[in-house]
C-alpha atoms as a PDB file:
ATOM      1  CA  UNK A   1    -130.948-200.596  30.201  1.00  0.00           C
ATOM      2  CA  UNK A   2    -131.509-197.244  31.784  1.00  0.00           C
ATOM      3  CA  UNK A   3    -133.733-195.839  34.479  1.00  0.00           C
ATOM      4  CA  UNK A   4    -137.469-195.665  33.787  1.00  0.00           C
ATOM      5  CA  UNK A   5    -140.482-194.350  35.604  1.00  0.00           C
ATOM      6  CA  UNK A   6    -142.160-196.891  37.829  1.00  0.00           C
ATOM      7  CA  UNK A   7    -145.323-198.261  36.309  1.00  0.00           C
ATOM      8  CA  UNK A   8    -148.066-200.546  37.581  1.00  0.00           C
ATOM      9  CA  UNK A   9    -150.320-200.630  40.608  1.00  0.00           C
ATOM     10  CA  UNK A  10    -147.958-198.556  42.674  1.00  0.00           C
ATOM     11  CA  UNK A  11    -149.275-195.119  41.708  1.00  0.00           C
ATOM     12  CA  UNK A  12    -146.344-192.984  42.842  1.00  0.00           C
ATOM     13  CA  UNK A  13    -143.384-191.011  41.404  1.00  0.00           C
ATOM     14  CA  UNK A  14    -140.450-193.209  41.401  1.00  0.00           C
ATOM     15  CA  UNK A  15    -137.665-194.451  39.035  1.00  0.00           C
ATOM     16  CA  UNK A  16    -136.578-198.092  38.749  1.00  0.00           C
ATOM     17  CA  UNK A  17    -133.762-200.093  37.115  1.00  0.00           C
ATOM     18  CA  UNK A  18    -132.558-203.588  37.052  1.00  0.00           C
ATOM     19  CA  UNK A  19    -128.897-204.272  37.272  1.00  0.00           C
ATOM     20  CA  UNK A  20    -127.178-207.541  36.163  1.00  0.00           C
ATOM     21  CA  UNK A  21    -123.780-208.527  37.250  1.00  0.00           C
ATOM     22  CA  UNK A  22    -121.461-211.415  36.550  1.00  0.00           C
ATOM     23  CA  UNK A  23    -122.402-213.296  39.739  1.00  0.00           C
ATOM     24  CA  UNK A  24    -123.687-212.927  43.279  1.00  0.00           C
ATOM     25  CA  UNK A  25    -120.435-211.660  44.697  1.00  0.00           C
ATOM     26  CA  UNK A  26    -120.295-208.770  42.132  1.00  0.00           C
ATOM     27  CA  UNK A  27    -123.935-207.926  42.938  1.00  0.00           C
ATOM     28  CA  UNK A  28    -123.235-208.004  46.636  1.00  0.00           C
ATOM     29  CA  UNK A  29    -120.171-205.761  46.133  1.00  0.00           C
ATOM     30  CA  UNK A  30    -122.412-203.256  44.247  1.00  0.00           C
ATOM     31  CA  UNK A  31    -124.946-203.257  47.083  1.00  0.00           C
ATOM     32  CA  UNK A  32    -122.111-202.657  49.521  1.00  0.00           C
ATOM     33  CA  UNK A  33    -120.854-199.708  47.712  1.00  0.00           C
ATOM     34  CA  UNK A  34    -124.392-198.238  47.348  1.00  0.00           C
ATOM     35  CA  UNK A  35    -125.092-198.802  51.081  1.00  0.00           C
ATOM     36  CA  UNK A  36    -122.111-196.654  52.087  1.00  0.00           C
ATOM     37  CA  UNK A  37    -123.298-193.808  49.867  1.00  0.00           C
ATOM     38  CA  UNK A  38    -126.868-194.346  51.027  1.00  0.00           C
ATOM     39  CA  UNK A  39    -125.790-193.874  54.655  1.00  0.00           C
ATOM     40  CA  UNK A  40    -123.788-190.770  53.828  1.00  0.00           C
ATOM     41  CA  UNK A  41    -126.718-189.247  51.940  1.00  0.00           C
ATOM     42  CA  UNK A  42    -129.343-190.497  54.428  1.00  0.00           C
ATOM     43  CA  UNK A  43    -131.180-191.649  51.351  1.00  0.00           C
ATOM     44  CA  UNK A  44    -131.905-195.379  51.059  1.00  0.00           C
ATOM     45  CA  UNK A  45    -132.991-197.351  47.936  1.00  0.00           C
ATOM     46  CA  UNK A  46    -135.742-199.876  47.822  1.00  0.00           C
ATOM     47  CA  UNK A  47    -134.058-202.986  46.339  1.00  0.00           C
ATOM     48  CA  UNK A  48    -134.411-206.688  45.783  1.00  0.00           C
ATOM     49  CA  UNK A  49    -131.504-209.122  45.035  1.00  0.00           C
ATOM     50  CA  UNK A  50    -131.545-212.543  43.443  1.00  0.00           C
ATOM     51  CA  UNK A  51    -128.176-214.042  42.573  1.00  0.00           C
ATOM     52  CA  UNK A  52    -126.570-211.648  40.107  1.00  0.00           C
ATOM     53  CA  UNK A  53    -129.572-209.293  39.696  1.00  0.00           C
ATOM     54  CA  UNK A  54    -130.361-206.228  41.719  1.00  0.00           C
ATOM     55  CA  UNK A  55    -133.713-204.500  41.217  1.00  0.00           C
ATOM     56  CA  UNK A  56    -133.834-200.894  42.449  1.00  0.00           C
ATOM     57  CA  UNK A  57    -136.542-198.347  43.035  1.00  0.00           C
ATOM     58  CA  UNK A  58    -135.754-194.751  44.041  1.00  0.00           C
ATOM     59  CA  UNK A  59    -138.193-192.236  45.419  1.00  0.00           C
ATOM     60  CA  UNK A  60    -138.187-189.680  48.229  1.00  0.00           C
ATOM     61  CA  UNK A  61    -140.828-190.368  50.765  1.00  0.00           C
ATOM     62  CA  UNK A  62    -140.370-186.938  52.436  1.00  0.00           C
ATOM     63  CA  UNK A  63    -141.646-185.216  49.270  1.00  0.00           C
ATOM     64  CA  UNK A  64    -143.834-188.054  48.084  1.00  0.00           C
ATOM     65  CA  UNK A  65    -142.028-188.249  44.723  1.00  0.00           C
ATOM     66  CA  UNK A  66    -138.649-187.728  43.012  1.00  0.00           C
ATOM     67  CA  UNK A  67    -136.029-185.428  44.324  1.00  0.00           C
ATOM     68  CA  UNK A  68    -132.509-184.472  43.394  1.00  0.00           C
ATOM     69  CA  UNK A  69    -131.369-187.159  45.919  1.00  0.00           C
ATOM     70  CA  UNK A  70    -132.874-189.818  43.716  1.00  0.00           C
ATOM     71  CA  UNK A  71    -131.070-188.464  40.631  1.00  0.00           C
ATOM     72  CA  UNK A  72    -127.747-188.252  42.529  1.00  0.00           C
ATOM     73  CA  UNK A  73    -128.170-191.805  43.906  1.00  0.00           C
ATOM     74  CA  UNK A  74    -129.141-193.180  40.412  1.00  0.00           C
ATOM     75  CA  UNK A  75    -125.949-191.544  38.924  1.00  0.00           C
ATOM     76  CA  UNK A  76    -123.749-192.952  41.678  1.00  0.00           C
ATOM     77  CA  UNK A  77    -125.220-196.499  41.196  1.00  0.00           C
ATOM     78  CA  UNK A  78    -124.617-196.285  37.426  1.00  0.00           C
ATOM     79  CA  UNK A  79    -120.973-195.259  38.208  1.00  0.00           C
ATOM     80  CA  UNK A  80    -120.569-198.285  40.459  1.00  0.00           C
ATOM     81  CA  UNK A  81    -122.062-200.581  37.799  1.00  0.00           C
ATOM     82  CA  UNK A  82    -119.580-199.298  35.197  1.00  0.00           C
ATOM     83  CA  UNK A  83    -116.655-199.702  37.526  1.00  0.00           C
ATOM     84  CA  UNK A  84    -117.553-203.252  38.543  1.00  0.00           C
ATOM     85  CA  UNK A  85    -118.399-204.550  35.081  1.00  0.00           C
ATOM     86  CA  UNK A  86    -115.201-203.064  33.666  1.00  0.00           C
ATOM     87  CA  UNK A  87    -113.106-204.701  36.449  1.00  0.00           C
ATOM     88  CA  UNK A  88    -112.192-201.399  38.161  1.00  0.00           C
ATOM     89  CA  UNK A  89    -113.831-202.257  41.552  1.00  0.00           C
END
């Protein structure tokens, strides 16, 4: 499933996606890879993890909405997901 606009009570411009991995270790590895990129970009996701699931929301607080940083981060996260699920970690 791809990225979608955030819906609900939180009336703000953001995109969200839920990733599902094989197990907790794979989800944690994904989060570690994202954390390195987030620090380099100085752009940090909002996320929530339970076992093999990672729920992510991306928005840019400085511009009160979406920015190219969000799109770049989303693309990088999707790359990491593909690598991990195909066994190319």
